[in-house]
Amino acid sequence: MKRTWQVACILFLAGAVVMLISSFEYPYKDRLGPGPGFFPFWLSLIVVGLSIALLFQITRGQKAPYGSESPYPNRQGAGRILIVLVALVGSLAMLDYLGFRISLLLFLLFLPIALGIRQWWVVSLFALAGSFGIFHVFYHWLKVPLPMGFFGL
């Protein structure tokens, strides 16, 4: 298990270095403030630092940080992973037809119930706040164009 964690740290470190190098292709600042290279630059530096810290912690430690079980999920864990992947693919497939708000609402209604949450009012509140709240923040405040869908929602 220790070797698995070390390989994962090295892969994250390599990905962060690639992201850091590619962030230099974008301007760091523009006339309004931070440019398109600002976020990937700092995010990659954070990931580099955390990957190195975790790699040293795992390498110098005597045992693996989370037990010595298999890195592969058991049957129940694999089922949950499959549910999340199917929900993501279904949501992506419905995005252009139903729009961002409706497809995210259906995703946020389905996923917690499929993973075992049984309080319908919590799931409903979470789904409504998540889908319509996120849409409002990104579309109106941040001016990010999101798909409106067939119904215009």
Foldseek 3Di string as FASTA:
>chain_A
DLVVLLVVLVVLLVVLVVLLVVLVVWDQADPVGGTPSVVSNVVSVVSNVVSVVSNVVSVPDDDHPPDDDDPDDDPLVVVLVVLLVVLVVVLVVCCQAAHQLVSQLVSLLPNVVVNPDDDNVVSNVCSNCVRVVVCCCCCPVVVDDTRLHDVSD
